[in-house]
Protein backbone atom coordinates (compact mmCIF):
# COMPACT_ATOMS: atom_id res chain seq x y z
CA ILE A 1 0.00 0.00 0.00
CA LYS A 2 2.87 2.36 0.74
CA ASN A 3 4.19 1.68 -2.74
CA MET A 4 0.77 2.52 -4.21
CA LYS A 5 0.77 5.86 -2.43
CA ALA A 6 4.27 6.58 -3.69
CA LEU A 7 3.25 5.70 -7.25
CA ARG A 8 0.18 7.95 -7.07
CA LYS A 9 2.36 10.77 -5.77
CA LYS A 10 4.85 10.31 -8.63
CA MET A 11 2.02 10.32 -11.18
CA LYS A 12 0.50 13.45 -9.71
CA GLU A 13 3.86 15.23 -9.67
CA GLU A 14 4.59 14.19 -13.25
CA LEU A 15 1.17 15.32 -14.45
CA ALA A 16 1.52 18.63 -12.63
CA GLY A 17 4.83 19.34 -14.35
CA GLU A 18 5.18 21.67 -17.28
CA ASP A 19 5.93 18.88 -19.78
CA PRO A 20 4.65 15.52 -18.42
CA ASP A 21 6.53 12.47 -19.67
CA GLY A 22 3.92 10.09 -21.08
CA LYS A 23 6.32 7.16 -21.03
CA LYS A 24 6.98 7.64 -17.30
CA LEU A 25 3.25 7.94 -16.63
CA MET A 26 2.54 4.71 -18.50
CA THR A 27 5.27 2.98 -16.49
CA TYR A 28 3.66 4.21 -13.27
CA ALA A 29 0.29 2.97 -14.52
CA THR A 30 1.74 -0.49 -15.20
CA GLU A 31 3.40 -0.59 -11.77
CA THR A 32 0.10 0.42 -10.16
CA ALA A 33 -1.77 -2.33 -12.02
CA ASP A 34 0.86 -4.87 -10.93
CA GLN A 35 0.43 -3.83 -7.29
CA VAL A 36 -3.37 -4.11 -7.51
CA GLU A 37 -3.02 -7.58 -9.02
CA LYS A 38 -0.68 -8.67 -6.20
CA MET A 39 -3.01 -7.36 -3.50
CA THR A 40 -6.03 -9.00 -5.11
CA LYS A 41 -4.29 -12.37 -5.36
CA LEU A 42 -3.15 -12.18 -1.74
CA ARG A 43 -6.68 -11.34 -0.64
CA ILE A 44 -8.08 -14.31 -2.55
CA GLN A 45 -5.47 -16.64 -1.05
CA HIS A 46 -6.37 -15.37 2.40
CA LEU A 47 -10.09 -15.86 1.84
CA LEU A 48 -9.52 -19.41 0.58
CA GLU A 49 -7.60 -20.24 3.75
CA VAL A 50 -10.27 -18.66 5.95
CA LYS A 51 -12.98 -20.59 4.11
CA LYS A 52 -11.35 -23.85 5.21
CA VAL A 53 -12.04 -23.11 8.89
CA LEU A 54 -15.49 -21.50 8.67
CA ASP A 55 -18.82 -23.16 8.05
CA ASP A 56 -20.92 -22.00 5.08
CA ASP A 57 -22.99 -19.51 7.11
CA GLN A 58 -19.92 -17.96 8.72
CA PHE A 59 -18.17 -17.60 5.40
CA GLU A 60 -21.23 -16.07 3.76
CA LYS A 61 -21.47 -13.56 6.61
CA LEU A 62 -17.78 -12.73 6.23
CA LEU A 63 -18.16 -12.14 2.51
CA SER A 64 -21.17 -9.91 3.08
CA LYS A 65 -19.23 -7.78 5.53
CA GLU A 66 -16.06 -7.79 3.43
CA TRP A 67 -17.75 -6.43 0.33
CA TYR A 68 -19.89 -3.98 2.27
CA GLN A 69 -16.95 -2.64 4.27
CA GLY A 70 -14.92 -2.21 1.10
CA LYS A 71 -17.63 -0.06 -0.45
CA LYS A 72 -18.09 1.85 2.80
CA HIS A 73 -14.36 2.50 3.01
CA HIS A 74 -14.27 4.01 -0.48
CA ARG A 75 -17.35 6.14 0.23
CA ASP A 76 -15.79 7.39 3.48
CA ALA A 77 -12.50 8.18 1.74
CA ARG A 78 -14.29 10.31 -0.85
CA HIS A 79 -16.21 12.07 1.91
CA ARG A 80 -12.97 12.93 3.75
CA ARG A 81 -11.59 14.47 0.57
CA GLY A 82 -14.70 16.58 0.14
CA ARG A 83 -16.25 14.49 -2.65
CA HIS A 84 -19.74 13.38 -1.64
């Protein structure tokens, strides 16, 4: 996650510059996509391991909360930045 923040900062700084380097920006975009892929795969691996120890009802409840909390987190983040 720290790396994602650093990449976003680099992209923002590059875009804010007088003559943004498109090649650099595309490299940052690829690095960002790679990080998202890694995080998603780790999350799936984790959920598969958790599923082994929960019964069906417990796992369903976990999934319901997981997806809801993810959406809530994004909504709250936008709210903090002044985007409702």
